[in-house]
Amino acid sequence: MFWVLLLLTAWAAVLASCALLLRAAAVASVAAPAPPDGGAGGYRPDALNLYEAAYLAGGPRRVAELTLLSMQRGRRLLLARTGWATVVDPVARDPHERSVLGALGPDGQAPVDAVRSAAARDEAVRVLADRLDAAGLALPASARRAVAGGVRAVRRAAALVAATAVAALCLPADGTGRAVVLCWFSMPLLLALGCLAIARFETYPYSAWASPAGQRLLVALDREQGEGDPLTAVALRGVRVLADPALRAALARATGGRGPTPGDGPVQGPAQGI
């Protein structure tokens, strides 16, 4: 009956990790300060600018991607499908565009991934985050880390259940059928997977960055404008909603495979639009 000890180990890991995730989610739900007016910090969905919406929906990286796409749409920046960005108009219209131009350097050309990373770390994004934190619309960093840690713990517990189930099946038979052993191990595995599914359903797609008040604003904005404006759709859902394959290639090439090299410059021409 040694497999029973493995089963108890699996149950202990799953229960402990699920409790950690639930505690982190509960802390995150109350971690953000309440908006001063009990609503959304004076914000309305139509008053939430696209940079703010992008931060709440996807964090600093989403803000940088939105800036790149906004400049490309205004013909002030070229995004090549090879993964390079090239300046067309060197005049910035806001601090986020200024951070992109600064990341492109004096040559006016750089890999998209490098520009995106630099823009995401810029002071303009930190100021934006502080403003949303003060309004009670963004989750504090500690709450985000706690939830992410809880999800990782449940994933590790699910992997442990699978490993202990395989080990139990490899043990000498003691009269218990393999089907019975698998049924017993399926219960903690289903609990772990169910906890992950519920966490994703409850948090998707905003709570990694937005507080409950921020989530409500994003849902309202999505309902009102999410389908009408391509940039709003990108701010809320990310670059996966882009209809132009050249733009998707420009942004995806910088994150996958070998990445761009200087010899890859924008020889294939810019993406044409969103």
Protein backbone atom coordinates (compact mmCIF):
# COMPACT_ATOMS: atom_id res chain seq x y z
CA MET A 1 0.00 0.00 0.00
CA PHE A 2 2.99 2.31 -0.49
CA TRP A 3 1.01 4.09 -3.20
CA VAL A 4 -1.27 5.45 -0.48
CA LEU A 5 1.65 7.43 0.95
CA LEU A 6 2.26 8.89 -2.50
CA LEU A 7 -1.43 9.77 -2.73
CA LEU A 8 -1.32 11.53 0.64
CA THR A 9 1.74 13.47 -0.51
CA ALA A 10 -0.10 14.56 -3.64
CA TRP A 11 -3.15 15.64 -1.64
CA ALA A 12 -1.01 17.62 0.81
CA ALA A 13 0.75 19.48 -2.00
CA VAL A 14 -2.50 20.30 -3.81
CA LEU A 15 -4.35 21.46 -0.69
CA ALA A 16 -1.43 23.62 0.47
CA SER A 17 -0.97 25.25 -2.96
CA CYS A 18 -4.68 25.87 -3.47
CA ALA A 19 -4.90 27.46 -0.03
CA LEU A 20 -1.93 29.67 -0.93
CA LEU A 21 -3.58 30.79 -4.16
CA LEU A 22 -6.92 31.47 -2.47
CA ARG A 23 -5.21 33.51 0.23
CA ALA A 24 -3.25 35.49 -2.36
CA ALA A 25 -6.43 36.15 -4.35
CA ALA A 26 -8.24 37.31 -1.21
CA VAL A 27 -5.37 39.63 -0.30
CA ALA A 28 -5.25 41.00 -3.85
CA SER A 29 -8.96 41.75 -3.80
CA VAL A 30 -8.49 44.14 -0.89
CA ALA A 31 -4.91 45.25 -1.47
CA ALA A 32 -5.69 48.20 -3.71
CA PRO A 33 -6.81 51.32 -1.82
CA ALA A 34 -10.46 52.13 -2.19
CA PRO A 35 -11.12 54.92 -4.71
CA PRO A 36 -11.63 58.23 -2.90
CA ASP A 37 -15.25 58.57 -4.00
CA GLY A 38 -16.13 54.91 -3.50
CA GLY A 39 -16.35 54.46 -7.25
CA ALA A 40 -13.43 54.54 -9.63
CA GLY A 41 -11.32 57.39 -8.38
CA GLY A 42 -13.20 59.95 -10.45
CA TYR A 43 -12.58 58.00 -13.65
CA ARG A 44 -15.23 57.10 -16.18
CA PRO A 45 -14.70 54.57 -18.97
CA ASP A 46 -14.68 57.37 -21.54
CA ALA A 47 -12.19 59.34 -19.41
CA LEU A 48 -9.72 56.47 -19.15
CA ASN A 49 -7.06 57.21 -21.76
CA LEU A 50 -5.58 54.42 -23.85
CA TYR A 51 -2.26 54.38 -22.00
CA GLU A 52 -4.10 53.92 -18.70
CA ALA A 53 -6.30 51.22 -20.18
CA ALA A 54 -3.26 49.45 -21.61
CA TYR A 55 -1.46 49.50 -18.26
CA LEU A 56 -4.46 48.14 -16.37
CA ALA A 57 -5.05 45.43 -18.97
CA GLY A 58 -1.48 44.35 -19.67
CA GLY A 59 1.05 46.32 -17.66
CA PRO A 60 4.11 48.28 -18.86
CA ARG A 61 4.74 46.03 -21.85
CA ARG A 62 1.24 46.68 -23.19
CA VAL A 63 1.78 50.44 -22.80
CA ALA A 64 4.97 50.21 -24.85
CA GLU A 65 3.27 48.15 -27.57
CA LEU A 66 0.37 50.57 -27.73
CA THR A 67 2.80 53.48 -28.12
CA LEU A 68 4.62 51.74 -30.97
CA LEU A 69 1.38 50.94 -32.76
CA SER A 70 -0.03 54.43 -32.23
CA MET A 71 3.10 55.99 -33.73
CA GLN A 72 3.04 53.52 -36.62
CA ARG A 73 -0.61 54.30 -37.28
CA GLY A 74 0.22 58.02 -37.37
CA ARG A 75 3.00 57.40 -39.94
CA ARG A 76 5.61 58.62 -37.47
CA LEU A 77 7.25 55.22 -37.03
CA LEU A 78 7.77 52.26 -39.34
CA LEU A 79 7.51 48.74 -37.96
CA ALA A 80 9.10 46.22 -40.32
CA ARG A 81 8.06 42.59 -40.39
CA THR A 82 11.74 41.76 -39.80
CA GLY A 83 11.39 43.07 -36.23
CA TRP A 84 12.94 46.52 -36.61
CA ALA A 85 11.53 49.98 -35.90
CA THR A 86 12.53 53.11 -37.84
CA VAL A 87 11.75 56.74 -37.02
CA VAL A 88 9.85 58.79 -39.60
CA ASP A 89 8.87 61.81 -37.49
CA PRO A 90 11.27 62.51 -34.58
CA VAL A 91 8.84 64.83 -32.74
CA ALA A 92 7.21 63.22 -29.68
CA ARG A 93 3.65 64.09 -28.75
CA ASP A 94 3.72 62.76 -25.18
CA PRO A 95 6.21 61.28 -22.66
CA HIS A 96 5.57 57.71 -23.86
CA GLU A 97 6.44 58.59 -27.44
CA ARG A 98 9.48 60.43 -26.12
CA SER A 99 10.63 57.23 -24.41
CA VAL A 100 10.26 55.29 -27.68
CA LEU A 101 12.25 57.89 -29.63
CA GLY A 102 14.91 57.87 -26.93
CA ALA A 103 15.15 54.07 -27.14
CA LEU A 104 15.58 54.28 -30.92
CA GLY A 105 18.70 56.38 -30.41
CA PRO A 106 20.43 58.85 -32.71
CA ASP A 107 20.35 56.43 -35.65
CA GLY A 108 16.57 56.33 -35.50
CA GLN A 109 16.47 52.57 -35.90
CA ALA A 110 16.54 49.67 -33.44
CA PRO A 111 15.06 46.19 -32.86
CA VAL A 112 11.44 46.36 -31.75
CA ASP A 113 12.11 44.17 -28.72
CA ALA A 114 14.82 46.50 -27.43
CA VAL A 115 12.62 49.56 -27.95
CA ARG A 116 9.65 47.91 -26.29
CA SER A 117 11.69 46.86 -23.25
CA ALA A 118 13.22 50.31 -22.83
CA ALA A 119 9.85 52.06 -23.18
CA ALA A 120 8.26 49.69 -20.65
CA ARG A 121 10.92 50.62 -18.07
CA ASP A 122 10.74 54.37 -18.72
CA GLU A 123 9.83 56.93 -16.08
CA ALA A 124 6.64 57.79 -18.01
CA VAL A 125 5.25 54.31 -17.27
CA ARG A 126 6.19 54.57 -13.58
CA VAL A 127 4.37 57.91 -13.33
CA LEU A 128 1.35 56.35 -15.01
CA ALA A 129 1.43 53.40 -12.61
CA ASP A 130 1.70 55.67 -9.57
CA ARG A 131 -1.30 57.69 -10.75
CA LEU A 132 -3.43 54.58 -11.21
CA ASP A 133 -2.27 53.19 -7.85
CA ALA A 134 -3.27 56.42 -6.12
CA ALA A 135 -6.69 56.26 -7.81
CA GLY A 136 -7.23 52.72 -6.56
CA LEU A 137 -7.41 51.30 -10.08
CA ALA A 138 -4.18 49.28 -10.16
CA LEU A 139 -3.02 46.42 -7.96
CA PRO A 140 0.13 46.95 -5.90
CA ALA A 141 3.16 44.99 -7.04
CA SER A 142 3.13 42.87 -3.87
CA ALA A 143 -0.40 41.65 -4.61
CA ARG A 144 0.50 40.79 -8.21
CA ARG A 145 3.52 38.80 -7.06
CA ALA A 146 1.44 36.92 -4.47
CA VAL A 147 -1.16 35.83 -7.02
CA ALA A 148 1.49 34.83 -9.55
CA GLY A 149 3.28 32.83 -6.85
CA GLY A 150 0.05 31.06 -5.91
CA VAL A 151 -0.62 30.08 -9.52
CA ARG A 152 2.92 28.73 -9.87
CA ALA A 153 2.49 26.70 -6.68
CA VAL A 154 -0.72 25.08 -7.94
CA ARG A 155 0.94 24.26 -11.26
CA ARG A 156 3.84 22.62 -9.46
CA ALA A 157 1.40 20.66 -7.31
CA ALA A 158 -0.43 19.41 -10.41
CA ALA A 159 2.89 18.25 -11.86
CA LEU A 160 3.68 16.51 -8.57
CA VAL A 161 0.35 14.66 -8.67
CA ALA A 162 1.12 13.41 -12.16
CA ALA A 163 4.61 12.32 -11.09
CA THR A 164 3.39 10.50 -7.97
CA ALA A 165 0.66 8.80 -10.02
CA VAL A 166 3.27 7.46 -12.44
CA ALA A 167 5.43 6.33 -9.51
CA ALA A 168 2.46 4.56 -7.94
CA LEU A 169 1.75 2.70 -11.16
CA CYS A 170 5.38 1.58 -11.33
CA LEU A 171 5.24 0.00 -7.86
CA PRO A 172 4.73 -3.76 -7.52
CA ALA A 173 1.05 -4.69 -7.57
CA ASP A 174 -0.51 -5.20 -4.13
CA GLY A 175 -3.87 -6.35 -5.32
CA THR A 176 -5.15 -2.86 -6.16
CA GLY A 177 -6.01 -2.40 -9.81
CA ARG A 178 -4.29 0.27 -11.86
CA ALA A 179 -7.64 1.82 -12.71
CA VAL A 180 -8.43 2.23 -9.02
CA VAL A 181 -5.05 3.87 -8.37
CA LEU A 182 -5.57 6.27 -11.27
CA CYS A 183 -9.05 7.16 -9.99
CA TRP A 184 -7.65 8.06 -6.59
CA PHE A 185 -4.92 10.24 -8.08
CA SER A 186 -7.34 11.87 -10.50
CA MET A 187 -9.15 13.58 -7.61
CA PRO A 188 -6.28 15.83 -6.41
CA LEU A 189 -5.32 16.44 -10.03
CA LEU A 190 -8.86 17.58 -10.86
CA LEU A 191 -8.85 19.84 -7.80
CA ALA A 192 -5.58 21.50 -8.90
CA LEU A 193 -6.71 21.92 -12.49
CA GLY A 194 -10.10 23.21 -11.38
CA CYS A 195 -8.44 25.75 -9.10
CA LEU A 196 -6.29 26.96 -12.00
CA ALA A 197 -9.33 27.16 -14.29
CA ILE A 198 -11.31 29.16 -11.75
CA ALA A 199 -8.35 31.47 -11.15
CA ARG A 200 -8.02 32.12 -14.87
CA PHE A 201 -11.75 32.69 -15.29
CA GLU A 202 -11.90 35.07 -12.34
CA THR A 203 -8.78 37.01 -13.31
CA TYR A 204 -8.95 37.00 -17.11
CA PRO A 205 -8.02 39.27 -18.67
CA TYR A 206 -7.39 42.18 -16.32
CA SER A 207 -6.65 41.35 -12.70
CA ALA A 208 -2.91 40.82 -13.09
CA TRP A 209 -2.65 44.63 -13.08
CA ALA A 210 -6.08 46.12 -12.38
CA SER A 211 -7.87 46.32 -9.05
CA PRO A 212 -11.58 45.40 -8.92
CA ALA A 213 -12.45 49.06 -9.59
CA GLY A 214 -10.02 49.10 -12.51
CA GLN A 215 -11.47 45.88 -13.88
CA ARG A 216 -14.95 47.37 -13.88
CA LEU A 217 -13.73 50.36 -15.86
CA LEU A 218 -12.00 48.11 -18.38
CA VAL A 219 -15.07 45.96 -18.84
CA ALA A 220 -17.18 49.08 -19.41
CA LEU A 221 -14.62 50.48 -21.86
CA ASP A 222 -14.49 47.17 -23.70
CA ARG A 223 -18.26 47.11 -23.96
CA GLU A 224 -18.44 50.68 -25.26
CA GLN A 225 -15.38 50.98 -27.52
CA GLY A 226 -13.53 47.66 -27.64
CA GLU A 227 -14.83 46.63 -31.05
CA GLY A 228 -14.93 50.06 -32.67
CA ASP A 229 -11.37 51.36 -32.32
CA PRO A 230 -8.39 49.12 -33.24
CA LEU A 231 -6.07 50.88 -30.77
CA THR A 232 -8.60 50.41 -27.95
CA ALA A 233 -8.82 46.73 -28.83
CA VAL A 234 -5.02 46.45 -28.66
CA ALA A 235 -4.94 48.28 -25.32
CA LEU A 236 -7.51 45.89 -23.85
CA ARG A 237 -6.53 42.57 -25.45
CA GLY A 238 -2.99 42.93 -26.73
CA VAL A 239 -1.36 42.59 -30.12
CA ARG A 240 -3.06 39.26 -30.83
CA VAL A 241 -6.10 41.21 -32.07
CA LEU A 242 -4.12 42.87 -34.89
CA ALA A 243 -5.62 42.09 -38.28
CA ASP A 244 -2.47 42.99 -40.24
CA PRO A 245 -0.11 39.98 -40.44
CA ALA A 246 2.85 42.29 -41.11
CA LEU A 247 2.29 44.10 -37.81
CA ARG A 248 1.93 40.83 -35.94
CA ALA A 249 5.17 39.65 -37.52
CA ALA A 250 6.94 42.88 -36.57
CA LEU A 251 6.05 42.42 -32.91
CA ALA A 252 6.23 38.62 -32.73
CA ARG A 253 9.62 38.32 -34.43
CA ALA A 254 11.17 40.28 -31.61
CA THR A 255 9.98 37.77 -28.99
CA GLY A 256 10.42 34.44 -30.68
CA GLY A 257 13.13 32.49 -32.45
CA ARG A 258 16.59 33.96 -32.83
CA GLY A 259 15.28 37.56 -32.85
CA PRO A 260 16.41 40.28 -35.23
CA THR A 261 20.01 41.09 -36.02
CA PRO A 262 21.45 44.24 -37.57
CA GLY A 263 21.60 42.56 -40.95
CA ASP A 264 17.86 42.01 -40.72
CA GLY A 265 17.00 45.77 -40.84
CA PRO A 266 13.71 46.84 -42.35
CA VAL A 267 14.49 45.62 -45.85
CA GLN A 268 11.03 44.16 -46.34
CA GLY A 269 9.22 47.44 -45.87
CA PRO A 270 6.97 48.66 -43.09
CA ALA A 271 3.72 47.21 -41.89
CA GLN A 272 0.86 49.05 -43.47
CA GLY A 273 -1.64 49.56 -40.66
CA ILE A 274 -3.72 48.15 -37.87
